[in-house]
């Protein structure tokens, strides 16, 4: 009886103090937007229209616009991850009020371990893929192979590997590392009840990080700011703040008409492209991974999702979006493999045609999705076979024991 009273008082205090009562409600729109976001990432990496001429339009100029517009994608993935993580953490606090810390730590461990395993698996995959390519391309002498292997190992296994990631074909895996480190920092600040403080700190770091990106002409920062601290953390925390104050955000989101959301998204996307043009083309900035305009753009986009939380429900687009991380980790391999095959068969000249440029991005996208889906099916069969074999072995051993 005392325990039930404690739970009731906890809920009452929680609702009164925070204005939120955390009940997990699936947001189908997140997966729907993820599918477009992951396609945008593929566009960035494939170079879409670079190096071709389309009538009076320079392909490089068109590609720059596509690339800059697509820069909403990675921040969106960070925000979505922070939003869903904190939503789950808060739902655990609501479900297990008397042992919330234990349950939250268990979930945090499970979540981060899953990310670490994902990174480790694909790091190993790309490490072996790059090594295989190097072996094929290296002179088949003991000295040549030994030098290649030594240089490769020294280049890959540096202290930066576990924070920034490494180059070669696995350059895109930096996202998983940034996500892991950002989630760790976020969880620590949640547990010391300082999420608002972290939001202020991470915003300052993100703005400072711009000087290592497109604003380097104003003040050049000699640091890699496409990382957890300057990039991922702020957007992860932003997602966490949206989840923490979800009821207030919902109320605010519903007061804005859908028409206004559409206008704002188009307007802010245009401002982001314009900011990219000024800072990268005119000011000759260092990099264009994120911009100032990205912040309000992502906030408005996510408020749209919160208002319309059933966009794309039960559609193929949402199904693809639910596997966005798989497309992300696999698409660079598909790109590289196609490039290698085109070179091997002396077809590299086709890669400079307009037709190829138009088809390459969607083909990579589709093949990456099919590849990851195939891996999941194969993995499911493999694990199922192993479980069945273990079960049958136990049954045989049990039968033998009973016989004797």
Protein backbone atom coordinates (compact mmCIF):
# COMPACT_ATOMS: atom_id res chain seq x y z
CA UNK A 1 0.00 0.00 0.00
CA UNK A 2 2.79 2.39 0.91
CA UNK A 3 4.56 1.54 -2.35
CA UNK A 4 1.41 2.34 -4.40
CA UNK A 5 1.05 5.65 -2.56
CA UNK A 6 4.70 6.47 -3.27
CA UNK A 7 4.20 5.75 -6.97
CA UNK A 8 1.10 7.97 -7.07
CA UNK A 9 2.83 10.85 -5.30
CA UNK A 10 5.84 10.50 -7.59
CA UNK A 11 3.63 10.72 -10.67
CA UNK A 12 1.74 13.68 -9.24
CA UNK A 13 4.98 15.50 -8.44
CA UNK A 14 6.43 14.65 -11.84
CA UNK A 15 3.41 15.95 -13.73
CA UNK A 16 3.17 19.10 -11.64
CA UNK A 17 6.87 19.95 -11.73
CA UNK A 18 7.54 19.28 -15.39
CA UNK A 19 4.17 19.60 -17.06
CA UNK A 20 4.72 16.23 -18.74
CA UNK A 21 3.47 12.70 -18.16
CA UNK A 22 5.63 10.44 -20.26
CA UNK A 23 3.67 7.84 -22.15
CA UNK A 24 5.56 6.37 -25.11
CA UNK A 25 3.65 7.15 -28.29
CA UNK A 26 5.05 5.95 -31.58
CA UNK A 27 5.82 8.74 -34.04
CA UNK A 28 5.53 7.21 -37.52
CA UNK A 29 6.61 10.46 -39.16
CA UNK A 30 10.17 10.08 -37.86
CA UNK A 31 10.75 6.98 -39.98
CA UNK A 32 9.01 8.69 -42.91
CA UNK A 33 11.37 11.69 -42.82
CA UNK A 34 14.36 9.42 -42.15
CA UNK A 35 13.93 7.87 -45.60
CA UNK A 36 14.33 11.29 -47.25
CA UNK A 37 17.17 12.20 -44.90
CA UNK A 38 19.16 9.07 -45.69
CA UNK A 39 18.62 9.65 -49.41
CA UNK A 40 20.03 13.15 -48.85
CA UNK A 41 23.12 11.62 -47.21
CA UNK A 42 23.63 9.34 -50.22
CA UNK A 43 23.32 12.40 -52.48
CA UNK A 44 26.11 14.13 -50.54
CA UNK A 45 28.48 11.17 -50.87
CA UNK A 46 27.74 10.30 -54.51
CA UNK A 47 28.31 13.84 -55.75
CA UNK A 48 25.00 13.63 -57.66
CA UNK A 49 25.62 15.99 -60.63
CA UNK A 50 29.26 16.97 -60.14
CA UNK A 51 31.46 17.14 -63.22
CA UNK A 52 28.75 17.29 -65.90
CA UNK A 53 27.09 19.99 -67.96
CA UNK A 54 23.28 20.03 -68.27
CA UNK A 55 22.51 22.56 -70.96
CA UNK A 56 23.45 25.95 -69.53
CA UNK A 57 23.63 24.55 -66.01
CA UNK A 58 27.00 23.61 -64.56
CA UNK A 59 26.71 20.27 -62.79
CA UNK A 60 29.06 21.38 -60.01
CA UNK A 61 26.79 24.34 -59.21
CA UNK A 62 23.71 22.13 -59.14
CA UNK A 63 25.56 19.60 -57.01
CA UNK A 64 26.57 22.35 -54.55
CA UNK A 65 22.93 23.35 -54.10
CA UNK A 66 21.86 19.71 -53.61
CA UNK A 67 24.75 19.09 -51.22
CA UNK A 68 24.04 22.20 -49.12
CA UNK A 69 20.29 21.54 -49.03
CA UNK A 70 20.96 17.94 -47.95
CA UNK A 71 22.89 19.09 -44.88
CA UNK A 72 19.70 18.92 -42.82
CA UNK A 73 19.99 15.12 -42.85
CA UNK A 74 22.69 14.31 -40.30
CA UNK A 75 21.44 16.90 -37.75
CA UNK A 76 17.98 15.38 -38.17
CA UNK A 77 19.33 11.90 -37.38
CA UNK A 78 21.03 13.26 -34.26
CA UNK A 79 17.86 15.04 -33.10
CA UNK A 80 15.71 11.97 -33.75
CA UNK A 81 18.15 9.80 -31.78
CA UNK A 82 18.23 12.21 -28.83
CA UNK A 83 14.45 12.57 -28.92
CA UNK A 84 13.76 8.83 -28.90
CA UNK A 85 16.47 8.12 -26.32
CA UNK A 86 15.21 10.70 -23.81
CA UNK A 87 11.61 9.73 -24.46
CA UNK A 88 12.51 6.16 -23.51
CA UNK A 89 14.50 7.30 -20.46
CA UNK A 90 11.53 9.37 -19.29
CA UNK A 91 9.06 6.54 -19.89
CA UNK A 92 11.27 4.27 -17.75
CA UNK A 93 11.15 6.86 -14.95
CA UNK A 94 7.36 6.86 -15.21
CA UNK A 95 7.10 3.07 -15.32
CA UNK A 96 9.67 2.28 -12.57
CA UNK A 97 9.57 5.26 -10.19
CA UNK A 98 11.11 3.40 -7.25
CA UNK A 99 14.02 1.96 -9.24
CA UNK A 100 14.25 4.34 -12.16
CA UNK A 101 18.03 4.83 -11.94
CA UNK A 102 18.76 1.12 -12.18
CA UNK A 103 16.38 0.62 -15.10
CA UNK A 104 17.62 3.72 -16.91
CA UNK A 105 21.25 2.64 -16.55
CA UNK A 106 20.34 -0.81 -17.89
CA UNK A 107 18.68 0.76 -20.93
CA UNK A 108 21.60 3.16 -21.43
CA UNK A 109 24.05 0.25 -21.38
CA UNK A 110 21.93 -1.76 -23.81
CA UNK A 111 21.54 1.21 -26.16
CA UNK A 112 25.19 2.20 -26.23
CA UNK A 113 26.38 -1.41 -26.47
CA UNK A 114 24.16 -1.88 -29.53
CA UNK A 115 25.75 1.19 -31.15
CA UNK A 116 29.26 0.04 -30.25
CA UNK A 117 28.59 -3.40 -31.75
CA UNK A 118 27.22 -1.79 -34.90
CA UNK A 119 30.28 0.43 -35.25
CA UNK A 120 32.69 -2.41 -34.51
CA UNK A 121 31.02 -4.75 -37.00
CA UNK A 122 31.11 -2.24 -39.84
CA UNK A 123 34.57 -0.98 -38.92
CA UNK A 124 35.79 -4.56 -39.27
CA UNK A 125 33.90 -4.97 -42.55
CA UNK A 126 35.39 -1.84 -44.12
CA UNK A 127 38.83 -2.55 -42.66
CA UNK A 128 38.88 -5.94 -44.40
CA UNK A 129 37.36 -4.51 -47.58
CA UNK A 130 40.03 -1.80 -47.86
CA UNK A 131 42.75 -4.30 -46.99
CA UNK A 132 41.54 -6.66 -49.73
CA UNK A 133 41.56 -3.85 -52.29
CA UNK A 134 45.08 -2.84 -51.24
CA UNK A 135 46.33 -6.44 -51.50
CA UNK A 136 44.91 -6.70 -55.02
CA UNK A 137 46.48 -3.39 -56.07
CA UNK A 138 49.90 -3.98 -54.44
CA UNK A 139 52.82 -5.70 -56.13
CA UNK A 140 52.83 -9.33 -55.05
CA UNK A 141 56.25 -9.24 -53.39
CA UNK A 142 56.85 -9.88 -49.71
CA UNK A 143 58.46 -6.46 -49.32
CA UNK A 144 55.64 -4.66 -51.14
CA UNK A 145 52.90 -6.45 -49.21
CA UNK A 146 54.66 -5.97 -45.87
CA UNK A 147 55.15 -2.24 -46.46
CA UNK A 148 51.54 -1.83 -47.57
CA UNK A 149 50.20 -3.70 -44.55
CA UNK A 150 52.40 -1.81 -42.06
CA UNK A 151 51.45 1.58 -43.51
CA UNK A 152 47.78 0.67 -43.57
CA UNK A 153 47.73 -0.52 -39.95
CA UNK A 154 49.61 2.58 -38.75
CA UNK A 155 47.27 4.84 -40.68
CA UNK A 156 44.09 3.24 -39.35
CA UNK A 157 44.92 2.46 -35.73
CA UNK A 158 45.60 5.85 -34.19
CA UNK A 159 44.13 7.43 -31.05
CA UNK A 160 41.69 9.33 -33.28
CA UNK A 161 40.07 6.07 -34.41
CA UNK A 162 37.76 5.83 -31.37
CA UNK A 163 36.60 9.45 -31.50
CA UNK A 164 36.84 10.85 -35.02
CA UNK A 165 36.93 7.51 -36.79
CA UNK A 166 39.30 6.94 -39.66
CA UNK A 167 39.51 7.62 -43.37
CA UNK A 168 39.48 5.16 -46.27
CA UNK A 169 36.09 3.62 -47.13
CA UNK A 170 34.80 3.89 -43.57
CA UNK A 171 34.97 7.67 -43.31
CA UNK A 172 31.20 7.87 -42.77
CA UNK A 173 31.31 5.80 -39.58
CA UNK A 174 32.28 8.96 -37.69
CA UNK A 175 28.52 9.45 -37.24
CA UNK A 176 28.17 6.34 -35.07
CA UNK A 177 31.11 7.39 -32.90
CA UNK A 178 29.71 10.91 -32.52
CA UNK A 179 26.35 9.40 -31.61
CA UNK A 180 27.89 7.11 -28.98
CA UNK A 181 29.92 9.87 -27.28
CA UNK A 182 27.02 12.34 -27.43
CA UNK A 183 24.59 9.85 -25.86
CA UNK A 184 27.08 9.16 -23.05
CA UNK A 185 27.39 12.88 -22.27
CA UNK A 186 23.63 13.38 -22.55
CA UNK A 187 22.87 10.55 -20.12
CA UNK A 188 25.36 11.85 -17.55
CA UNK A 189 23.75 15.30 -17.59
CA UNK A 190 20.26 13.78 -17.37
CA UNK A 191 21.24 11.87 -14.26
CA UNK A 192 22.68 14.98 -12.60
CA UNK A 193 19.53 16.87 -13.60
CA UNK A 194 21.40 19.41 -15.72
CA UNK A 195 19.95 18.94 -19.20
CA UNK A 196 19.18 22.66 -19.57
CA UNK A 197 22.78 23.52 -18.68
CA UNK A 198 24.04 21.02 -21.26
CA UNK A 199 21.74 22.60 -23.87
CA UNK A 200 23.40 25.99 -23.32
CA UNK A 201 26.92 24.52 -23.34
CA UNK A 202 26.31 22.40 -26.45
CA UNK A 203 24.79 25.37 -28.32
CA UNK A 204 27.92 27.40 -27.56
CA UNK A 205 30.13 24.54 -28.74
CA UNK A 206 28.09 24.14 -31.92
CA UNK A 207 28.37 27.83 -32.79
CA UNK A 208 32.10 27.77 -32.00
CA UNK A 209 32.38 24.69 -34.23
CA UNK A 210 31.11 26.71 -37.19
CA UNK A 211 34.48 28.47 -37.24
CA UNK A 212 36.00 25.10 -38.08
CA UNK A 213 33.45 24.78 -40.87
CA UNK A 214 32.13 27.37 -43.30
CA UNK A 215 32.89 30.38 -41.07
CA UNK A 216 36.62 29.66 -40.95
CA UNK A 217 37.36 32.88 -42.87
CA UNK A 218 36.17 34.94 -39.89
CA UNK A 219 38.03 32.90 -37.27
CA UNK A 220 39.83 29.71 -38.21
CA UNK A 221 39.64 26.94 -35.64
CA UNK A 222 42.32 24.31 -36.19
CA UNK A 223 40.17 21.50 -34.89
CA UNK A 224 38.01 18.86 -36.54
CA UNK A 225 34.53 20.15 -35.63
CA UNK A 226 32.56 17.45 -37.42
CA UNK A 227 32.48 15.35 -34.27
CA UNK A 228 30.54 14.64 -31.10
CA UNK A 229 31.51 17.71 -29.09
CA UNK A 230 30.90 20.46 -31.66
CA UNK A 231 28.30 18.85 -33.91
CA UNK A 232 26.49 15.79 -32.62
CA UNK A 233 26.07 16.81 -28.99
CA UNK A 234 23.98 19.93 -29.61
CA UNK A 235 21.51 18.18 -31.90
CA UNK A 236 21.29 15.14 -29.62
CA UNK A 237 20.53 17.47 -26.69
CA UNK A 238 18.03 19.41 -28.83
CA UNK A 239 16.15 16.17 -29.43
CA UNK A 240 16.34 15.42 -25.72
CA UNK A 241 14.92 18.84 -24.83
CA UNK A 242 12.04 18.36 -27.26
CA UNK A 243 11.24 15.00 -25.62
CA UNK A 244 11.56 16.39 -22.09
CA UNK A 245 9.10 19.21 -22.76
CA UNK A 246 6.99 17.23 -25.20
CA UNK A 247 3.57 18.40 -24.00
CA UNK A 248 4.56 22.06 -24.30
CA UNK A 249 6.15 21.43 -27.70
CA UNK A 250 3.02 19.61 -28.88
CA UNK A 251 0.81 22.47 -27.74
CA UNK A 252 3.03 24.99 -29.54
CA UNK A 253 3.26 22.80 -32.65
CA UNK A 254 -0.51 22.45 -32.94
CA UNK A 255 -1.00 26.21 -32.87
CA UNK A 256 0.98 26.58 -36.12
CA UNK A 257 -0.82 25.76 -39.36
CA UNK A 258 0.55 23.16 -41.76
CA UNK A 259 0.79 25.83 -44.46
CA UNK A 260 3.10 27.90 -42.23
CA UNK A 261 5.28 24.84 -41.59
CA UNK A 262 5.66 24.18 -45.32
CA UNK A 263 6.54 27.83 -45.99
CA UNK A 264 9.05 27.91 -43.11
CA UNK A 265 10.76 24.66 -44.16
CA UNK A 266 11.14 25.89 -47.74
CA UNK A 267 12.29 29.33 -46.57
CA UNK A 268 14.82 28.00 -44.04
CA UNK A 269 16.13 25.46 -46.54
CA UNK A 270 16.69 28.30 -48.98
CA UNK A 271 18.42 30.35 -46.29
CA UNK A 272 20.69 27.39 -45.52
CA UNK A 273 21.65 27.10 -49.20
CA UNK A 274 22.24 30.88 -49.36
CA UNK A 275 24.35 30.72 -46.18
CA UNK A 276 26.34 27.90 -47.73
CA UNK A 277 26.90 29.91 -50.91
CA UNK A 278 28.11 32.99 -49.01
CA UNK A 279 30.34 31.14 -46.54
CA UNK A 280 31.71 28.49 -48.89
CA UNK A 281 31.79 30.13 -52.33
CA UNK A 282 32.35 33.78 -51.45
CA UNK A 283 34.21 33.46 -48.14
CA UNK A 284 35.87 30.14 -49.07
CA UNK A 285 35.15 28.34 -45.82
CA UNK A 286 36.73 25.03 -44.86
CA UNK A 287 33.73 22.70 -44.74
CA UNK A 288 29.93 22.65 -44.93
CA UNK A 289 28.69 19.97 -42.58
CA UNK A 290 26.29 22.29 -40.74
CA UNK A 291 25.22 25.93 -40.68
CA UNK A 292 23.50 28.47 -38.44
CA UNK A 293 20.29 28.11 -40.45
CA UNK A 294 20.34 24.37 -39.79
CA UNK A 295 19.23 24.96 -36.18
CA UNK A 296 15.85 26.65 -36.85
CA UNK A 297 15.31 24.41 -39.88
CA UNK A 298 15.60 21.24 -37.80
CA UNK A 299 13.44 22.67 -35.00
CA UNK A 300 10.64 23.55 -37.43
CA UNK A 301 10.97 20.20 -39.21
CA UNK A 302 10.71 18.31 -35.94
CA UNK A 303 7.76 20.38 -34.73
CA UNK A 304 6.04 19.45 -38.00
CA UNK A 305 6.71 15.80 -37.24
CA UNK A 306 5.36 16.16 -33.71
CA UNK A 307 2.17 17.78 -35.02
CA UNK A 308 1.71 15.25 -37.83
CA UNK A 309 3.01 12.10 -36.16
CA UNK A 310 1.39 9.57 -38.51
CA UNK A 311 2.90 10.67 -41.82
CA UNK A 312 3.72 7.65 -43.97
CA UNK A 313 2.29 5.12 -41.51
CA UNK A 314 2.51 1.57 -42.94
CA UNK A 315 4.13 2.77 -46.19
CA UNK A 316 7.22 1.47 -47.94
CA UNK A 317 8.85 4.87 -47.46
CA UNK A 318 8.57 4.55 -43.68
CA UNK A 319 9.83 0.97 -43.86
CA UNK A 320 12.92 2.21 -45.68
CA UNK A 321 13.32 5.00 -43.13
CA UNK A 322 13.20 2.49 -40.29
CA UNK A 323 16.31 0.91 -41.86
CA UNK A 324 18.08 4.23 -42.45
CA UNK A 325 21.07 3.26 -40.31
CA UNK A 326 21.56 0.17 -42.45
CA UNK A 327 21.55 2.20 -45.65
CA UNK A 328 23.97 4.62 -44.00
CA UNK A 329 26.56 2.03 -43.04
CA UNK A 330 26.26 0.04 -46.30
CA UNK A 331 25.99 2.69 -49.03
CA UNK A 332 29.69 3.63 -49.14
CA UNK A 333 30.62 0.00 -49.81
CA UNK A 334 28.11 -0.09 -52.69
CA UNK A 335 29.59 3.14 -54.10
CA UNK A 336 33.16 1.90 -53.83
CA UNK A 337 32.39 -1.56 -55.20
CA UNK A 338 30.60 -0.16 -58.25
CA UNK A 339 33.51 2.23 -58.83
CA UNK A 340 36.04 -0.60 -58.66
CA UNK A 341 34.02 -2.75 -61.08
CA UNK A 342 33.65 0.12 -63.54
CA UNK A 343 37.41 0.66 -63.49
CA UNK A 344 38.21 -3.05 -63.81
CA UNK A 345 36.03 -3.39 -66.90
CA UNK A 346 37.31 -0.13 -68.43
CA UNK A 347 33.93 1.54 -68.11
CA UNK A 348 35.01 4.49 -65.96
CA UNK A 349 34.21 6.91 -68.80
CA UNK A 350 30.49 6.13 -68.34
CA UNK A 351 30.68 7.63 -64.86
CA UNK A 352 31.11 11.08 -66.42
CA UNK A 353 27.84 10.95 -68.37
CA UNK A 354 24.61 12.69 -67.36
CA UNK A 355 22.68 9.42 -67.45
CA UNK A 356 25.07 7.81 -65.00
CA UNK A 357 24.98 10.82 -62.69
CA UNK A 358 21.19 10.77 -62.60
CA UNK A 359 20.95 7.02 -61.99
CA UNK A 360 23.94 6.42 -59.71
CA UNK A 361 22.48 7.93 -56.51
CA UNK A 362 19.12 6.08 -56.58
CA UNK A 363 20.87 2.84 -57.59
CA UNK A 364 23.30 3.10 -54.66
CA UNK A 365 20.38 3.91 -52.35
CA UNK A 366 18.34 0.89 -53.45
CA UNK A 367 21.26 -1.54 -53.46
CA UNK A 368 22.38 -0.39 -49.99
CA UNK A 369 18.86 -0.98 -48.67
CA UNK A 370 18.68 -4.44 -50.27
CA UNK A 371 22.16 -5.30 -49.02
CA UNK A 372 21.36 -4.41 -45.42
CA UNK A 373 17.95 -6.09 -45.57
CA UNK A 374 19.64 -9.22 -46.92
CA UNK A 375 22.19 -9.15 -44.11
CA UNK A 376 19.39 -8.95 -41.53
CA UNK A 377 17.54 -11.87 -43.10
CA UNK A 378 20.74 -13.93 -43.27
CA UNK A 379 21.60 -13.02 -39.69
CA UNK A 380 18.13 -14.04 -38.57
CA UNK A 381 18.43 -17.43 -40.27
CA UNK A 382 21.92 -17.94 -38.87
CA UNK A 383 20.92 -17.17 -35.28
CA UNK A 384 17.80 -19.29 -35.66
CA UNK A 385 19.83 -22.24 -36.95
CA UNK A 386 22.30 -21.92 -34.09
CA UNK A 387 19.46 -21.84 -31.53
CA UNK A 388 17.84 -24.88 -33.13
CA UNK A 389 21.13 -26.82 -33.11
CA UNK A 390 21.76 -25.94 -29.46
CA UNK A 391 18.19 -26.93 -28.57
CA UNK A 392 18.50 -30.28 -30.41
CA UNK A 393 21.86 -30.97 -28.76
CA UNK A 394 20.36 -30.33 -25.33
CA UNK A 395 17.46 -32.63 -26.14
CA UNK A 396 19.86 -35.41 -27.23
CA UNK A 397 21.98 -34.95 -24.11
CA UNK A 398 18.83 -35.03 -21.98
CA UNK A 399 17.62 -38.19 -23.71
CA UNK A 400 21.03 -39.87 -23.22
CA UNK A 401 21.06 -38.91 -19.54
CA UNK A 402 17.59 -40.35 -19.03
CA UNK A 403 18.58 -43.58 -20.84
CA UNK A 404 21.61 -44.05 -18.61
